[in-house]
Amino acid sequence: MATNGQKQPPLWIALTGGAGSGKSAVADHLRSLGVTVVDTDQLAREVVAPGEAGLAAVVAAFGDQLLTADGELDRRRLREQILADDNTRHRLESILHPLIMERLTRQLAQAEGPYAVAEIPLLVESGQQEHFDRVITVEAPMAERIQRLMQRDQVDESAARRLIAAQADESARRAIADQVIENDQDLAALKERVEALHQELLSSRL
């Protein structure tokens, strides 16, 4: 509760969920409700843009074969390496996560409103949950997740399963979560759950 007429700082909420869980749909609906949502996938793209220190560090670690002819990061090739080798994935994360967190912290600090959300797919893997006031995870049935990934990434079922297996499992996400949004019905039902969460968070800051 605010005291002496001072405005409370916004809550920092971490939104996570496995690939294909519907986390992005939750984030999009929160944005439509006027909430500041920072997408760390977008920040990840920014820190490896041409000329950025992140791209130079990735090339130094893994070689310039990960660059396209235009000097940009070849994301498809990098993703193939990550899926094939856990050591490569961990090494990449150790390079990028601090750079992403620096940008994320700066953007959250500038947010207006009672709370702001950081959309972080790899929250468990990065171990950054201690930076947030609350952690929310979105979970969905495995069959639906696989189907969404196959459609989204234009990959076969085997590739979709490998992507899911490369991430922390559901039990690990639930272990750090303060709240779970079950995405086990249609989009309308998901939006109702998001709106209920939104009202709860607003009420907590009154």
C-alpha atoms as a PDB file:
ATOM      1  CA  MET A   1       0.000   0.000   0.000  1.00  0.00           C
ATOM      2  CA  ALA A   2       1.315   3.441  -0.914  1.00  0.00           C
ATOM      3  CA  THR A   3       2.124   5.765   1.974  1.00  0.00           C
ATOM      4  CA  ASN A   4       2.707   9.517   2.339  1.00  0.00           C
ATOM      5  CA  GLY A   5       1.000  10.077  -1.006  1.00  0.00           C
ATOM      6  CA  GLN A   6       3.789   8.298  -2.863  1.00  0.00           C
ATOM      7  CA  LYS A   7       2.946   6.127  -5.846  1.00  0.00           C
ATOM      8  CA  GLN A   8       3.870   2.474  -5.562  1.00  0.00           C
ATOM      9  CA  PRO A   9       6.398   1.243  -8.099  1.00  0.00           C
ATOM     10  CA  PRO A  10       4.912  -1.199 -10.607  1.00  0.00           C
ATOM     11  CA  LEU A  11       5.115  -4.895  -9.926  1.00  0.00           C
ATOM     12  CA  TRP A  12       7.487  -6.765 -12.187  1.00  0.00           C
ATOM     13  CA  ILE A  13       5.781  -9.904 -13.462  1.00  0.00           C
ATOM     14  CA  ALA A  14       7.624 -12.690 -15.286  1.00  0.00           C
ATOM     15  CA  LEU A  15       5.471 -14.551 -17.812  1.00  0.00           C
ATOM     16  CA  THR A  16       6.855 -17.876 -18.941  1.00  0.00           C
ATOM     17  CA  GLY A  17       5.705 -21.111 -20.535  1.00  0.00           C
ATOM     18  CA  GLY A  18       7.047 -23.811 -22.795  1.00  0.00           C
ATOM     19  CA  ALA A  19       7.122 -23.620 -26.575  1.00  0.00           C
ATOM     20  CA  GLY A  20       3.607 -23.841 -27.964  1.00  0.00           C
ATOM     21  CA  SER A  21       1.928 -23.251 -24.599  1.00  0.00           C
ATOM     22  CA  GLY A  22       0.095 -20.107 -25.676  1.00  0.00           C
ATOM     23  CA  LYS A  23       2.310 -17.736 -23.728  1.00  0.00           C
ATOM     24  CA  SER A  24       2.392 -15.271 -26.624  1.00  0.00           C
ATOM     25  CA  ALA A  25      -1.410 -15.232 -26.787  1.00  0.00           C
ATOM     26  CA  VAL A  26      -1.486 -14.310 -23.103  1.00  0.00           C
ATOM     27  CA  ALA A  27       1.080 -11.569 -23.674  1.00  0.00           C
ATOM     28  CA  ASP A  28      -0.856 -10.190 -26.650  1.00  0.00           C
ATOM     29  CA  HIS A  29      -4.081 -10.003 -24.657  1.00  0.00           C
ATOM     30  CA  LEU A  30      -2.327  -8.239 -21.798  1.00  0.00           C
ATOM     31  CA  ARG A  31      -1.056  -5.669 -24.291  1.00  0.00           C
ATOM     32  CA  SER A  32      -4.608  -5.160 -25.543  1.00  0.00           C
ATOM     33  CA  LEU A  33      -5.567  -4.359 -21.941  1.00  0.00           C
ATOM     34  CA  GLY A  34      -2.949  -1.602 -21.840  1.00  0.00           C
ATOM     35  CA  VAL A  35      -0.249  -3.488 -19.954  1.00  0.00           C
ATOM     36  CA  THR A  36       3.421  -2.962 -20.771  1.00  0.00           C
ATOM     37  CA  VAL A  37       4.767  -6.320 -21.965  1.00  0.00           C
ATOM     38  CA  VAL A  38       8.429  -6.650 -22.918  1.00  0.00           C
ATOM     39  CA  ASP A  39       9.188  -9.582 -25.214  1.00  0.00           C
ATOM     40  CA  THR A  40      12.604 -11.017 -24.431  1.00  0.00           C
ATOM     41  CA  ASP A  41      12.614 -12.899 -27.743  1.00  0.00           C
ATOM     42  CA  GLN A  42      12.615  -9.485 -29.415  1.00  0.00           C
ATOM     43  CA  LEU A  43      15.399  -8.336 -27.114  1.00  0.00           C
ATOM     44  CA  ALA A  44      17.324 -11.495 -28.026  1.00  0.00           C
ATOM     45  CA  ARG A  45      17.084 -10.499 -31.680  1.00  0.00           C
ATOM     46  CA  GLU A  46      18.222  -6.968 -30.891  1.00  0.00           C
ATOM     47  CA  VAL A  47      21.357  -7.977 -28.966  1.00  0.00           C
ATOM     48  CA  VAL A  48      22.626 -10.049 -31.917  1.00  0.00           C
ATOM     49  CA  ALA A  49      21.847  -7.487 -34.607  1.00  0.00           C
ATOM     50  CA  PRO A  50      24.759  -6.502 -36.860  1.00  0.00           C
ATOM     51  CA  GLY A  51      27.115  -4.201 -35.006  1.00  0.00           C
ATOM     52  CA  GLU A  52      25.987  -5.325 -31.556  1.00  0.00           C
ATOM     53  CA  ALA A  53      28.394  -6.774 -29.006  1.00  0.00           C
ATOM     54  CA  GLY A  54      26.188  -9.838 -28.644  1.00  0.00           C
ATOM     55  CA  LEU A  55      26.656 -10.846 -32.259  1.00  0.00           C
ATOM     56  CA  ALA A  56      30.417 -10.387 -32.005  1.00  0.00           C
ATOM     57  CA  ALA A  57      30.469 -12.597 -28.899  1.00  0.00           C
ATOM     58  CA  VAL A  58      28.415 -15.328 -30.600  1.00  0.00           C
ATOM     59  CA  VAL A  59      30.708 -15.316 -33.631  1.00  0.00           C
ATOM     60  CA  ALA A  60      33.777 -15.410 -31.400  1.00  0.00           C
ATOM     61  CA  ALA A  61      32.357 -18.429 -29.567  1.00  0.00           C
ATOM     62  CA  PHE A  62      30.935 -20.433 -32.456  1.00  0.00           C
ATOM     63  CA  GLY A  63      32.559 -19.165 -35.641  1.00  0.00           C
ATOM     64  CA  ASP A  64      31.532 -17.006 -38.584  1.00  0.00           C
ATOM     65  CA  GLN A  65      29.728 -19.909 -40.256  1.00  0.00           C
ATOM     66  CA  LEU A  66      26.732 -18.706 -38.244  1.00  0.00           C
ATOM     67  CA  LEU A  67      26.632 -15.508 -40.290  1.00  0.00           C
ATOM     68  CA  THR A  68      24.622 -15.047 -43.451  1.00  0.00           C
ATOM     69  CA  ALA A  69      26.095 -13.404 -46.539  1.00  0.00           C
ATOM     70  CA  ASP A  70      24.630 -10.128 -45.265  1.00  0.00           C
ATOM     71  CA  GLY A  71      26.471 -10.382 -41.957  1.00  0.00           C
ATOM     72  CA  GLU A  72      23.387 -11.286 -39.942  1.00  0.00           C
ATOM     73  CA  LEU A  73      22.967 -14.196 -37.571  1.00  0.00           C
ATOM     74  CA  ASP A  74      21.786 -17.352 -39.335  1.00  0.00           C
ATOM     75  CA  ARG A  75      19.058 -18.238 -36.838  1.00  0.00           C
ATOM     76  CA  ARG A  76      18.062 -21.487 -38.476  1.00  0.00           C
ATOM     77  CA  ARG A  77      21.606 -22.840 -38.391  1.00  0.00           C
ATOM     78  CA  LEU A  78      22.063 -21.686 -34.810  1.00  0.00           C
ATOM     79  CA  ARG A  79      18.799 -23.335 -33.765  1.00  0.00           C
ATOM     80  CA  GLU A  80      19.927 -26.603 -35.367  1.00  0.00           C
ATOM     81  CA  GLN A  81      23.164 -26.490 -33.379  1.00  0.00           C
ATOM     82  CA  ILE A  82      21.325 -25.730 -30.145  1.00  0.00           C
ATOM     83  CA  LEU A  83      18.928 -28.627 -30.623  1.00  0.00           C
ATOM     84  CA  ALA A  84      21.789 -30.987 -31.422  1.00  0.00           C
ATOM     85  CA  ASP A  85      24.092 -30.048 -28.548  1.00  0.00           C
ATOM     86  CA  ASP A  86      23.177 -29.009 -24.989  1.00  0.00           C
ATOM     87  CA  ASN A  87      26.664 -27.599 -24.407  1.00  0.00           C
ATOM     88  CA  THR A  88      26.214 -25.215 -27.326  1.00  0.00           C
ATOM     89  CA  ARG A  89      22.865 -24.098 -25.946  1.00  0.00           C
ATOM     90  CA  HIS A  90      24.245 -23.487 -22.452  1.00  0.00           C
ATOM     91  CA  ARG A  91      27.210 -21.568 -23.842  1.00  0.00           C
ATOM     92  CA  LEU A  92      24.945 -19.401 -25.991  1.00  0.00           C
ATOM     93  CA  GLU A  93      22.667 -18.690 -23.037  1.00  0.00           C
ATOM     94  CA  SER A  94      25.636 -17.626 -20.893  1.00  0.00           C
ATOM     95  CA  ILE A  95      26.523 -15.066 -23.573  1.00  0.00           C
ATOM     96  CA  LEU A  96      23.066 -13.695 -24.321  1.00  0.00           C
ATOM     97  CA  HIS A  97      21.133 -13.827 -21.062  1.00  0.00           C
ATOM     98  CA  PRO A  98      23.085 -11.043 -19.291  1.00  0.00           C
ATOM     99  CA  LEU A  99      22.746  -8.773 -22.343  1.00  0.00           C
ATOM    100  CA  ILE A 100      19.025  -9.451 -22.604  1.00  0.00           C
ATOM    101  CA  MET A 101      18.495  -8.919 -18.869  1.00  0.00           C
ATOM    102  CA  GLU A 102      20.227  -5.546 -19.017  1.00  0.00           C
ATOM    103  CA  ARG A 103      17.848  -4.308 -21.712  1.00  0.00           C
ATOM    104  CA  LEU A 104      14.846  -5.867 -20.033  1.00  0.00           C
ATOM    105  CA  THR A 105      15.561  -4.183 -16.704  1.00  0.00           C
ATOM    106  CA  ARG A 106      15.913  -0.821 -18.408  1.00  0.00           C
ATOM    107  CA  GLN A 107      12.587  -1.147 -20.233  1.00  0.00           C
ATOM    108  CA  LEU A 108      10.666  -2.413 -17.200  1.00  0.00           C
ATOM    109  CA  ALA A 109      11.999   0.493 -15.140  1.00  0.00           C
ATOM    110  CA  GLN A 110      10.447   2.895 -17.662  1.00  0.00           C
ATOM    111  CA  ALA A 111       7.023   1.219 -17.652  1.00  0.00           C
ATOM    112  CA  GLU A 112       3.877   3.002 -16.540  1.00  0.00           C
ATOM    113  CA  GLY A 113       0.963   1.394 -14.730  1.00  0.00           C
ATOM    114  CA  PRO A 114       0.465  -0.832 -11.682  1.00  0.00           C
ATOM    115  CA  TYR A 115       2.457  -3.684 -13.155  1.00  0.00           C
ATOM    116  CA  ALA A 116       4.645  -4.581 -16.118  1.00  0.00           C
ATOM    117  CA  VAL A 117       5.275  -7.966 -17.676  1.00  0.00           C
ATOM    118  CA  ALA A 118       8.421  -9.586 -19.000  1.00  0.00           C
ATOM    119  CA  GLU A 119       7.697 -12.400 -21.449  1.00  0.00           C
ATOM    120  CA  ILE A 120      10.550 -14.861 -20.827  1.00  0.00           C
ATOM    121  CA  PRO A 121      10.318 -18.304 -22.449  1.00  0.00           C
ATOM    122  CA  LEU A 122      13.541 -19.523 -20.805  1.00  0.00           C
ATOM    123  CA  LEU A 123      12.978 -18.175 -17.306  1.00  0.00           C
ATOM    124  CA  VAL A 124      13.830 -21.438 -15.553  1.00  0.00           C
ATOM    125  CA  GLU A 125      16.903 -21.954 -17.729  1.00  0.00           C
ATOM    126  CA  SER A 126      18.203 -18.427 -17.156  1.00  0.00           C
ATOM    127  CA  GLY A 127      17.588 -18.496 -13.389  1.00  0.00           C
ATOM    128  CA  GLN A 128      16.355 -14.901 -13.474  1.00  0.00           C
ATOM    129  CA  GLN A 129      13.136 -15.425 -11.500  1.00  0.00           C
ATOM    130  CA  GLU A 130      14.526 -13.712  -8.404  1.00  0.00           C
ATOM    131  CA  HIS A 131      14.370 -10.388 -10.251  1.00  0.00           C
ATOM    132  CA  PHE A 132      10.554 -10.469 -10.326  1.00  0.00           C
ATOM    133  CA  ASP A 133       7.753  -9.897  -7.856  1.00  0.00           C
ATOM    134  CA  ARG A 134       5.643 -12.683  -9.327  1.00  0.00           C
ATOM    135  CA  VAL A 135       6.098 -15.519 -11.793  1.00  0.00           C
ATOM    136  CA  ILE A 136       3.247 -16.749 -13.982  1.00  0.00           C
ATOM    137  CA  THR A 137       3.515 -19.771 -16.250  1.00  0.00           C
ATOM    138  CA  VAL A 138       1.216 -20.774 -19.092  1.00  0.00           C
ATOM    139  CA  GLU A 139       0.725 -24.502 -19.562  1.00  0.00           C
ATOM    140  CA  ALA A 140      -1.083 -26.497 -22.247  1.00  0.00           C
ATOM    141  CA  PRO A 141      -1.567 -30.172 -23.158  1.00  0.00           C
ATOM    142  CA  MET A 142       1.453 -31.633 -24.920  1.00  0.00           C
ATOM    143  CA  ALA A 143      -0.469 -32.663 -28.059  1.00  0.00           C
ATOM    144  CA  GLU A 144      -1.691 -29.114 -28.563  1.00  0.00           C
ATOM    145  CA  ARG A 145       1.782 -27.680 -28.029  1.00  0.00           C
ATOM    146  CA  ILE A 146       3.251 -29.991 -30.647  1.00  0.00           C
ATOM    147  CA  GLN A 147       0.548 -29.100 -33.140  1.00  0.00           C
ATOM    148  CA  ARG A 148       1.058 -25.359 -32.630  1.00  0.00           C
ATOM    149  CA  LEU A 149       4.819 -25.674 -33.104  1.00  0.00           C
ATOM    150  CA  MET A 150       4.425 -27.709 -36.267  1.00  0.00           C
ATOM    151  CA  GLN A 151       2.173 -25.007 -37.713  1.00  0.00           C
ATOM    152  CA  ARG A 152       4.155 -22.038 -36.409  1.00  0.00           C
ATOM    153  CA  ASP A 153       7.653 -23.199 -37.368  1.00  0.00           C
ATOM    154  CA  GLN A 154       6.698 -25.385 -40.332  1.00  0.00           C
ATOM    155  CA  VAL A 155       8.498 -28.389 -38.842  1.00  0.00           C
ATOM    156  CA  ASP A 156       7.609 -32.031 -38.424  1.00  0.00           C
ATOM    157  CA  GLU A 157       6.510 -33.650 -35.176  1.00  0.00           C
ATOM    158  CA  SER A 158      10.005 -34.924 -34.379  1.00  0.00           C
ATOM    159  CA  ALA A 159      11.498 -31.424 -34.592  1.00  0.00           C
ATOM    160  CA  ALA A 160       8.675 -30.001 -32.478  1.00  0.00           C
ATOM    161  CA  ARG A 161       9.311 -32.609 -29.798  1.00  0.00           C
ATOM    162  CA  ARG A 162      13.049 -31.858 -29.821  1.00  0.00           C
ATOM    163  CA  LEU A 163      12.358 -28.157 -29.316  1.00  0.00           C
ATOM    164  CA  ILE A 164      10.107 -28.897 -26.347  1.00  0.00           C
ATOM    165  CA  ALA A 165      12.617 -31.375 -24.894  1.00  0.00           C
ATOM    166  CA  ALA A 166      15.394 -28.758 -25.101  1.00  0.00           C
ATOM    167  CA  GLN A 167      13.500 -26.545 -22.652  1.00  0.00           C
ATOM    168  CA  ALA A 168      12.783 -26.975 -18.965  1.00  0.00           C
ATOM    169  CA  ASP A 169       9.864 -29.285 -18.338  1.00  0.00           C
ATOM    170  CA  GLU A 170       6.441 -28.337 -16.997  1.00  0.00           C
ATOM    171  CA  SER A 171       7.226 -29.405 -13.434  1.00  0.00           C
ATOM    172  CA  ALA A 172      10.270 -27.108 -13.310  1.00  0.00           C
ATOM    173  CA  ARG A 173       8.201 -24.124 -14.483  1.00  0.00           C
ATOM    174  CA  ARG A 174       5.420 -24.874 -12.032  1.00  0.00           C
ATOM    175  CA  ALA A 175       7.962 -25.120  -9.210  1.00  0.00           C
ATOM    176  CA  ILE A 176       8.959 -21.463  -9.582  1.00  0.00           C
ATOM    177  CA  ALA A 177       5.502 -20.129 -10.510  1.00  0.00           C
ATOM    178  CA  ASP A 178       3.245 -18.146  -8.207  1.00  0.00           C
ATOM    179  CA  GLN A 179       0.356 -18.783 -10.565  1.00  0.00           C
ATOM    180  CA  VAL A 180      -0.429 -21.105 -13.475  1.00  0.00           C
ATOM    181  CA  ILE A 181      -2.682 -20.214 -16.403  1.00  0.00           C
ATOM    182  CA  GLU A 182      -4.087 -23.398 -17.888  1.00  0.00           C
ATOM    183  CA  ASN A 183      -4.495 -23.038 -21.646  1.00  0.00           C
ATOM    184  CA  ASP A 184      -6.562 -26.171 -22.101  1.00  0.00           C
ATOM    185  CA  GLN A 185      -9.664 -24.727 -23.783  1.00  0.00           C
ATOM    186  CA  ASP A 186     -10.269 -22.237 -26.594  1.00  0.00           C
ATOM    187  CA  LEU A 187      -8.914 -18.720 -27.060  1.00  0.00           C
ATOM    188  CA  ALA A 188     -12.015 -17.117 -25.533  1.00  0.00           C
ATOM    189  CA  ALA A 189     -11.519 -19.113 -22.335  1.00  0.00           C
ATOM    190  CA  LEU A 190      -7.848 -18.157 -22.249  1.00  0.00           C
ATOM    191  CA  LYS A 191      -8.717 -14.475 -22.582  1.00  0.00           C
ATOM    192  CA  GLU A 192     -11.189 -14.753 -19.691  1.00  0.00           C
ATOM    193  CA  ARG A 193      -8.449 -16.191 -17.492  1.00  0.00           C
ATOM    194  CA  VAL A 194      -6.052 -13.430 -18.523  1.00  0.00           C
ATOM    195  CA  GLU A 195      -8.631 -10.765 -17.730  1.00  0.00           C
ATOM    196  CA  ALA A 196      -9.250 -12.314 -14.304  1.00  0.00           C
ATOM    197  CA  LEU A 197      -5.508 -12.231 -13.661  1.00  0.00           C
ATOM    198  CA  HIS A 198      -5.362  -8.622 -14.838  1.00  0.00           C
ATOM    199  CA  GLN A 199      -8.083  -7.559 -12.415  1.00  0.00           C
ATOM    200  CA  GLU A 200      -6.362  -9.415  -9.584  1.00  0.00           C
ATOM    201  CA  LEU A 201      -3.076  -7.645 -10.256  1.00  0.00           C
ATOM    202  CA  LEU A 202      -4.763  -4.260 -10.475  1.00  0.00           C
ATOM    203  CA  SER A 203      -6.564  -4.867  -7.174  1.00  0.00           C
ATOM    204  CA  SER A 204      -3.329  -5.870  -5.477  1.00  0.00           C
ATOM    205  CA  ARG A 205      -1.912  -2.406  -6.205  1.00  0.00           C
ATOM    206  CA  LEU A 206      -4.842  -0.373  -4.853  1.00  0.00           C
END
